[in-house]
Amino acid sequence: MTDHANPKTEPFSNAEKDPDDWTTGDEAMTGAQASYLKTLSEEAGEPFDDTLTKGDASKQIDALQAKTGRGAGN
């Protein structure tokens, strides 16, 4: 048996880590992030910035989800 937590039973995995702490947070955002962010930007009436990093895109997605009522907990 290993000491590693099961990600299906441990809700606070790396997915919950602050984007400022991501080791790849300064890389270009992913295609999936860009696509979703573009959709959210249009719905929120905000400009879409295609130059964001992964970390900044994640923060912008969170902000726009709150503004549009999309996403987890909304």
PDB file of N, CA and C in Angstrom:
ATOM      1  N   MET A   1       0.844  -1.179   0.000  1.00  0.00           N
ATOM      2  CA  MET A   1       0.000   0.000   0.000  1.00  0.00           C
ATOM      3  C   MET A   1       0.892   1.246   0.000  1.00  0.00           C
ATOM      4  N   THR A   2       0.503   2.261  -0.759  1.00  0.00           N
ATOM      5  CA  THR A   2       1.290   3.480  -0.841  1.00  0.00           C
ATOM      6  C   THR A   2       0.748   4.539   0.104  1.00  0.00           C
ATOM      7  N   ASP A   3       1.543   5.559   0.318  1.00  0.00           N
ATOM      8  CA  ASP A   3       1.126   6.659   1.174  1.00  0.00           C
ATOM      9  C   ASP A   3       0.428   7.767   0.399  1.00  0.00           C
ATOM     10  N   HIS A   4       0.276   7.599  -0.921  1.00  0.00           N
ATOM     11  CA  HIS A   4      -0.336   8.623  -1.750  1.00  0.00           C
ATOM     12  C   HIS A   4      -1.845   8.651  -1.538  1.00  0.00           C
ATOM     13  N   ALA A   5      -2.383   9.842  -1.460  1.00  0.00           N
ATOM     14  CA  ALA A   5      -3.823  10.001  -1.289  1.00  0.00           C
ATOM     15  C   ALA A   5      -4.529   9.680  -2.598  1.00  0.00           C
ATOM     16  N   ASN A   6      -5.696   9.119  -2.482  1.00  0.00           N
ATOM     17  CA  ASN A   6      -6.509   8.825  -3.649  1.00  0.00           C
ATOM     18  C   ASN A   6      -7.189  10.118  -4.088  1.00  0.00           C
ATOM     19  N   PRO A   7      -6.911  10.590  -5.317  1.00  0.00           N
ATOM     20  CA  PRO A   7      -7.496  11.863  -5.747  1.00  0.00           C
ATOM     21  C   PRO A   7      -9.020  11.855  -5.815  1.00  0.00           C
ATOM     22  N   LYS A   8      -9.608  10.676  -5.919  1.00  0.00           N
ATOM     23  CA  LYS A   8     -11.063  10.601  -5.962  1.00  0.00           C
ATOM     24  C   LYS A   8     -11.686  10.753  -4.581  1.00  0.00           C
ATOM     25  N   THR A   9     -10.910  10.491  -3.527  1.00  0.00           N
ATOM     26  CA  THR A   9     -11.442  10.625  -2.175  1.00  0.00           C
ATOM     27  C   THR A   9     -10.876  11.838  -1.455  1.00  0.00           C
ATOM     28  N   GLU A  10      -9.866  12.464  -2.024  1.00  0.00           N
ATOM     29  CA  GLU A  10      -9.262  13.658  -1.432  1.00  0.00           C
ATOM     30  C   GLU A  10      -9.635  14.869  -2.280  1.00  0.00           C
ATOM     31  N   PRO A  11     -10.624  15.659  -1.854  1.00  0.00           N
ATOM     32  CA  PRO A  11     -11.098  16.774  -2.680  1.00  0.00           C
ATOM     33  C   PRO A  11     -10.092  17.903  -2.843  1.00  0.00           C
ATOM     34  N   PHE A  12      -9.096  18.002  -1.965  1.00  0.00           N
ATOM     35  CA  PHE A  12      -8.146  19.107  -2.034  1.00  0.00           C
ATOM     36  C   PHE A  12      -6.854  18.648  -2.699  1.00  0.00           C
ATOM     37  N   SER A  13      -6.943  18.408  -3.986  1.00  0.00           N
ATOM     38  CA  SER A  13      -5.800  17.955  -4.761  1.00  0.00           C
ATOM     39  C   SER A  13      -5.077  19.149  -5.364  1.00  0.00           C
ATOM     40  N   ASN A  14      -4.156  18.897  -6.265  1.00  0.00           N
ATOM     41  CA  ASN A  14      -3.421  19.967  -6.936  1.00  0.00           C
ATOM     42  C   ASN A  14      -4.341  20.882  -7.732  1.00  0.00           C
ATOM     43  N   ALA A  15      -5.507  20.399  -8.100  1.00  0.00           N
ATOM     44  CA  ALA A  15      -6.457  21.228  -8.844  1.00  0.00           C
ATOM     45  C   ALA A  15      -6.908  22.419  -8.012  1.00  0.00           C
ATOM     46  N   GLU A  16      -6.753  22.336  -6.697  1.00  0.00           N
ATOM     47  CA  GLU A  16      -7.170  23.407  -5.807  1.00  0.00           C
ATOM     48  C   GLU A  16      -6.036  24.386  -5.510  1.00  0.00           C
ATOM     49  N   LYS A  17      -4.841  24.131  -6.031  1.00  0.00           N
ATOM     50  CA  LYS A  17      -3.688  24.972  -5.750  1.00  0.00           C
ATOM     51  C   LYS A  17      -3.852  26.346  -6.394  1.00  0.00           C
ATOM     52  N   ASP A  18      -3.395  27.373  -5.696  1.00  0.00           N
ATOM     53  CA  ASP A  18      -3.428  28.740  -6.210  1.00  0.00           C
ATOM     54  C   ASP A  18      -2.617  28.819  -7.502  1.00  0.00           C
ATOM     55  N   PRO A  19      -3.174  29.408  -8.553  1.00  0.00           N
ATOM     56  CA  PRO A  19      -2.434  29.519  -9.821  1.00  0.00           C
ATOM     57  C   PRO A  19      -1.076  30.195  -9.682  1.00  0.00           C
ATOM     58  N   ASP A  20      -0.907  31.054  -8.679  1.00  0.00           N
ATOM     59  CA  ASP A  20       0.393  31.692  -8.458  1.00  0.00           C
ATOM     60  C   ASP A  20       1.452  30.675  -8.034  1.00  0.00           C
ATOM     61  N   ASP A  21       1.007  29.528  -7.527  1.00  0.00           N
ATOM     62  CA  ASP A  21       1.934  28.496  -7.064  1.00  0.00           C
ATOM     63  C   ASP A  21       2.171  27.398  -8.096  1.00  0.00           C
ATOM     64  N   TRP A  22       1.518  27.477  -9.255  1.00  0.00           N
ATOM     65  CA  TRP A  22       1.696  26.458 -10.282  1.00  0.00           C
ATOM     66  C   TRP A  22       3.100  26.537 -10.860  1.00  0.00           C
ATOM     67  N   THR A  23       3.737  25.391 -11.070  1.00  0.00           N
ATOM     68  CA  THR A  23       5.067  25.393 -11.684  1.00  0.00           C
ATOM     69  C   THR A  23       4.993  25.726 -13.164  1.00  0.00           C
ATOM     70  N   THR A  24       3.846  25.503 -13.794  1.00  0.00           N
ATOM     71  CA  THR A  24       3.683  25.821 -15.224  1.00  0.00           C
ATOM     72  C   THR A  24       2.792  27.033 -15.430  1.00  0.00           C
ATOM     73  N   GLY A  25       2.554  27.790 -14.388  1.00  0.00           N
ATOM     74  CA  GLY A  25       1.632  28.918 -14.456  1.00  0.00           C
ATOM     75  C   GLY A  25       2.053  30.038 -15.385  1.00  0.00           C
ATOM     76  N   ASP A  26       3.360  30.099 -15.700  1.00  0.00           N
ATOM     77  CA  ASP A  26       3.832  31.171 -16.579  1.00  0.00           C
ATOM     78  C   ASP A  26       3.900  30.748 -18.039  1.00  0.00           C
ATOM     79  N   GLU A  27       3.446  29.536 -18.331  1.00  0.00           N
ATOM     80  CA  GLU A  27       3.382  29.073 -19.724  1.00  0.00           C
ATOM     81  C   GLU A  27       2.116  29.628 -20.375  1.00  0.00           C
ATOM     82  N   ALA A  28       2.084  29.592 -21.694  1.00  0.00           N
ATOM     83  CA  ALA A  28       0.902  30.053 -22.429  1.00  0.00           C
ATOM     84  C   ALA A  28      -0.313  29.217 -22.021  1.00  0.00           C
ATOM     85  N   MET A  29      -1.476  29.876 -21.987  1.00  0.00           N
ATOM     86  CA  MET A  29      -2.685  29.143 -21.619  1.00  0.00           C
ATOM     87  C   MET A  29      -2.947  28.017 -22.619  1.00  0.00           C
ATOM     88  N   THR A  30      -3.669  27.017 -22.160  1.00  0.00           N
ATOM     89  CA  THR A  30      -3.983  25.872 -23.001  1.00  0.00           C
ATOM     90  C   THR A  30      -5.093  26.244 -23.989  1.00  0.00           C
ATOM     91  N   GLY A  31      -5.262  25.420 -24.991  1.00  0.00           N
ATOM     92  CA  GLY A  31      -6.336  25.623 -25.949  1.00  0.00           C
ATOM     93  C   GLY A  31      -7.702  25.567 -25.290  1.00  0.00           C
ATOM     94  N   ALA A  32      -7.850  24.656 -24.335  1.00  0.00           N
ATOM     95  CA  ALA A  32      -9.126  24.532 -23.630  1.00  0.00           C
ATOM     96  C   ALA A  32      -9.407  25.787 -22.809  1.00  0.00           C
ATOM     97  N   GLN A  33      -8.379  26.314 -22.146  1.00  0.00           N
ATOM     98  CA  GLN A  33      -8.562  27.548 -21.378  1.00  0.00           C
ATOM     99  C   GLN A  33      -8.956  28.692 -22.309  1.00  0.00           C
ATOM    100  N   ALA A  34      -8.264  28.799 -23.438  1.00  0.00           N
ATOM    101  CA  ALA A  34      -8.529  29.885 -24.390  1.00  0.00           C
ATOM    102  C   ALA A  34      -9.968  29.817 -24.901  1.00  0.00           C
ATOM    103  N   SER A  35     -10.412  28.626 -25.255  1.00  0.00           N
ATOM    104  CA  SER A  35     -11.760  28.451 -25.777  1.00  0.00           C
ATOM    105  C   SER A  35     -12.806  28.838 -24.739  1.00  0.00           C
ATOM    106  N   TYR A  36     -12.654  28.342 -23.526  1.00  0.00           N
ATOM    107  CA  TYR A  36     -13.625  28.631 -22.462  1.00  0.00           C
ATOM    108  C   TYR A  36     -13.573  30.106 -22.073  1.00  0.00           C
ATOM    109  N   LEU A  37     -12.370  30.652 -21.992  1.00  0.00           N
ATOM    110  CA  LEU A  37     -12.226  32.058 -21.630  1.00  0.00           C
ATOM    111  C   LEU A  37     -12.844  32.968 -22.684  1.00  0.00           C
ATOM    112  N   LYS A  38     -12.711  32.609 -23.946  1.00  0.00           N
ATOM    113  CA  LYS A  38     -13.326  33.395 -25.016  1.00  0.00           C
ATOM    114  C   LYS A  38     -14.839  33.390 -24.861  1.00  0.00           C
ATOM    115  N   THR A  39     -15.417  32.230 -24.589  1.00  0.00           N
ATOM    116  CA  THR A  39     -16.860  32.120 -24.385  1.00  0.00           C
ATOM    117  C   THR A  39     -17.310  32.954 -23.195  1.00  0.00           C
ATOM    118  N   LEU A  40     -16.596  32.822 -22.070  1.00  0.00           N
ATOM    119  CA  LEU A  40     -16.958  33.583 -20.876  1.00  0.00           C
ATOM    120  C   LEU A  40     -16.815  35.082 -21.107  1.00  0.00           C
ATOM    121  N   SER A  41     -15.757  35.479 -21.804  1.00  0.00           N
ATOM    122  CA  SER A  41     -15.526  36.896 -22.085  1.00  0.00           C
ATOM    123  C   SER A  41     -16.677  37.484 -22.894  1.00  0.00           C
ATOM    124  N   GLU A  42     -17.123  36.738 -23.900  1.00  0.00           N
ATOM    125  CA  GLU A  42     -18.238  37.198 -24.729  1.00  0.00           C
ATOM    126  C   GLU A  42     -19.510  37.333 -23.898  1.00  0.00           C
ATOM    127  N   GLU A  43     -19.788  36.349 -23.045  1.00  0.00           N
ATOM    128  CA  GLU A  43     -20.987  36.385 -22.214  1.00  0.00           C
ATOM    129  C   GLU A  43     -20.949  37.539 -21.209  1.00  0.00           C
ATOM    130  N   ALA A  44     -19.751  37.841 -20.714  1.00  0.00           N
ATOM    131  CA  ALA A  44     -19.615  38.888 -19.708  1.00  0.00           C
ATOM    132  C   ALA A  44     -19.421  40.275 -20.317  1.00  0.00           C
ATOM    133  N   GLY A  45     -19.273  40.339 -21.645  1.00  0.00           N
ATOM    134  CA  GLY A  45     -19.040  41.616 -22.294  1.00  0.00           C
ATOM    135  C   GLY A  45     -17.657  42.176 -22.004  1.00  0.00           C
ATOM    136  N   GLU A  46     -16.714  41.282 -21.754  1.00  0.00           N
ATOM    137  CA  GLU A  46     -15.340  41.662 -21.432  1.00  0.00           C
ATOM    138  C   GLU A  46     -14.439  41.355 -22.625  1.00  0.00           C
ATOM    139  N   PRO A  47     -13.332  42.090 -22.772  1.00  0.00           N
ATOM    140  CA  PRO A  47     -12.397  41.774 -23.854  1.00  0.00           C
ATOM    141  C   PRO A  47     -11.681  40.450 -23.594  1.00  0.00           C
ATOM    142  N   PHE A  48     -11.388  39.731 -24.657  1.00  0.00           N
ATOM    143  CA  PHE A  48     -10.663  38.462 -24.558  1.00  0.00           C
ATOM    144  C   PHE A  48      -9.187  38.728 -24.823  1.00  0.00           C
ATOM    145  N   ASP A  49      -8.321  38.335 -23.894  1.00  0.00           N
ATOM    146  CA  ASP A  49      -6.871  38.515 -24.021  1.00  0.00           C
ATOM    147  C   ASP A  49      -6.240  37.165 -24.322  1.00  0.00           C
ATOM    148  N   ASP A  50      -5.788  36.987 -25.567  1.00  0.00           N
ATOM    149  CA  ASP A  50      -5.220  35.693 -25.956  1.00  0.00           C
ATOM    150  C   ASP A  50      -3.748  35.555 -25.583  1.00  0.00           C
ATOM    151  N   THR A  51      -3.211  36.500 -24.820  1.00  0.00           N
ATOM    152  CA  THR A  51      -1.799  36.431 -24.427  1.00  0.00           C
ATOM    153  C   THR A  51      -1.617  36.011 -22.971  1.00  0.00           C
ATOM    154  N   LEU A  52      -2.692  35.654 -22.286  1.00  0.00           N
ATOM    155  CA  LEU A  52      -2.595  35.288 -20.872  1.00  0.00           C
ATOM    156  C   LEU A  52      -1.804  34.009 -20.661  1.00  0.00           C
ATOM    157  N   THR A  53      -1.179  33.905 -19.499  1.00  0.00           N
ATOM    158  CA  THR A  53      -0.507  32.670 -19.097  1.00  0.00           C
ATOM    159  C   THR A  53      -1.545  31.702 -18.534  1.00  0.00           C
ATOM    160  N   LYS A  54      -1.133  30.469 -18.288  1.00  0.00           N
ATOM    161  CA  LYS A  54      -2.047  29.490 -17.688  1.00  0.00           C
ATOM    162  C   LYS A  54      -2.598  29.989 -16.362  1.00  0.00           C
ATOM    163  N   GLY A  55      -1.714  30.520 -15.520  1.00  0.00           N
ATOM    164  CA  GLY A  55      -2.140  30.998 -14.213  1.00  0.00           C
ATOM    165  C   GLY A  55      -3.092  32.174 -14.306  1.00  0.00           C
ATOM    166  N   ASP A  56      -2.749  33.152 -15.153  1.00  0.00           N
ATOM    167  CA  ASP A  56      -3.614  34.326 -15.301  1.00  0.00           C
ATOM    168  C   ASP A  56      -4.943  33.958 -15.955  1.00  0.00           C
ATOM    169  N   ALA A  57      -4.907  33.021 -16.901  1.00  0.00           N
ATOM    170  CA  ALA A  57      -6.152  32.579 -17.538  1.00  0.00           C
ATOM    171  C   ALA A  57      -7.060  31.914 -16.512  1.00  0.00           C
ATOM    172  N   SER A  58      -6.473  31.117 -15.626  1.00  0.00           N
ATOM    173  CA  SER A  58      -7.267  30.462 -14.592  1.00  0.00           C
ATOM    174  C   SER A  58      -7.944  31.486 -13.690  1.00  0.00           C
ATOM    175  N   LYS A  59      -7.205  32.515 -13.298  1.00  0.00           N
ATOM    176  CA  LYS A  59      -7.781  33.566 -12.453  1.00  0.00           C
ATOM    177  C   LYS A  59      -8.886  34.317 -13.193  1.00  0.00           C
ATOM    178  N   GLN A  60      -8.668  34.600 -14.474  1.00  0.00           N
ATOM    179  CA  GLN A  60      -9.669  35.315 -15.268  1.00  0.00           C
ATOM    180  C   GLN A  60     -10.919  34.457 -15.444  1.00  0.00           C
ATOM    181  N   ILE A  61     -10.732  33.164 -15.657  1.00  0.00           N
ATOM    182  CA  ILE A  61     -11.875  32.251 -15.776  1.00  0.00           C
ATOM    183  C   ILE A  61     -12.683  32.281 -14.479  1.00  0.00           C
ATOM    184  N   ASP A  62     -12.014  32.210 -13.329  1.00  0.00           N
ATOM    185  CA  ASP A  62     -12.718  32.253 -12.045  1.00  0.00           C
ATOM    186  C   ASP A  62     -13.521  33.540 -11.905  1.00  0.00           C
ATOM    187  N   ALA A  63     -12.899  34.660 -12.270  1.00  0.00           N
ATOM    188  CA  ALA A  63     -13.576  35.955 -12.150  1.00  0.00           C
ATOM    189  C   ALA A  63     -14.786  36.035 -13.074  1.00  0.00           C
ATOM    190  N   LEU A  64     -14.628  35.564 -14.297  1.00  0.00           N
ATOM    191  CA  LEU A  64     -15.735  35.634 -15.252  1.00  0.00           C
ATOM    192  C   LEU A  64     -16.830  34.628 -14.924  1.00  0.00           C
ATOM    193  N   GLN A  65     -16.470  33.487 -14.340  1.00  0.00           N
ATOM    194  CA  GLN A  65     -17.494  32.539 -13.892  1.00  0.00           C
ATOM    195  C   GLN A  65     -18.364  33.178 -12.828  1.00  0.00           C
ATOM    196  N   ALA A  66     -17.733  33.913 -11.923  1.00  0.00           N
ATOM    197  CA  ALA A  66     -18.495  34.593 -10.872  1.00  0.00           C
ATOM    198  C   ALA A  66     -19.398  35.657 -11.480  1.00  0.00           C
ATOM    199  N   LYS A  67     -18.890  36.382 -12.465  1.00  0.00           N
ATOM    200  CA  LYS A  67     -19.653  37.459 -13.092  1.00  0.00           C
ATOM    201  C   LYS A  67     -20.826  36.921 -13.901  1.00  0.00           C
ATOM    202  N   THR A  68     -20.626  35.794 -14.588  1.00  0.00           N
ATOM    203  CA  THR A  68     -21.662  35.256 -15.467  1.00  0.00           C
ATOM    204  C   THR A  68     -22.566  34.235 -14.777  1.00  0.00           C
ATOM    205  N   GLY A  69     -22.180  33.787 -13.579  1.00  0.00           N
ATOM    206  CA  GLY A  69     -22.973  32.777 -12.879  1.00  0.00           C
ATOM    207  C   GLY A  69     -22.693  31.368 -13.369  1.00  0.00           C
ATOM    208  N   ARG A  70     -21.609  31.186 -14.115  1.00  0.00           N
ATOM    209  CA  ARG A  70     -21.206  29.851 -14.566  1.00  0.00           C
ATOM    210  C   ARG A  70     -20.216  29.257 -13.567  1.00  0.00           C
ATOM    211  N   GLY A  71     -19.962  27.976 -13.739  1.00  0.00           N
ATOM    212  CA  GLY A  71     -18.907  27.343 -12.953  1.00  0.00           C
ATOM    213  C   GLY A  71     -19.405  26.710 -11.675  1.00  0.00           C
ATOM    214  N   ALA A  72     -18.447  26.122 -10.962  1.00  0.00           N
ATOM    215  CA  ALA A  72     -18.746  25.402  -9.738  1.00  0.00           C
ATOM    216  C   ALA A  72     -19.295  26.344  -8.672  1.00  0.00           C
ATOM    217  N   GLY A  73     -20.283  25.884  -7.986  1.00  0.00           N
ATOM    218  CA  GLY A  73     -20.852  26.646  -6.888  1.00  0.00           C
ATOM    219  C   GLY A  73     -21.834  27.724  -7.312  1.00  0.00           C
ATOM    220  N   ASN A  74     -22.103  27.829  -8.602  1.00  0.00           N
ATOM    221  CA  ASN A  74     -23.028  28.859  -9.078  1.00  0.00           C
ATOM    222  C   ASN A  74     -24.324  28.259  -9.544  1.00  0.00           C
TER     223      ASN A  74
END
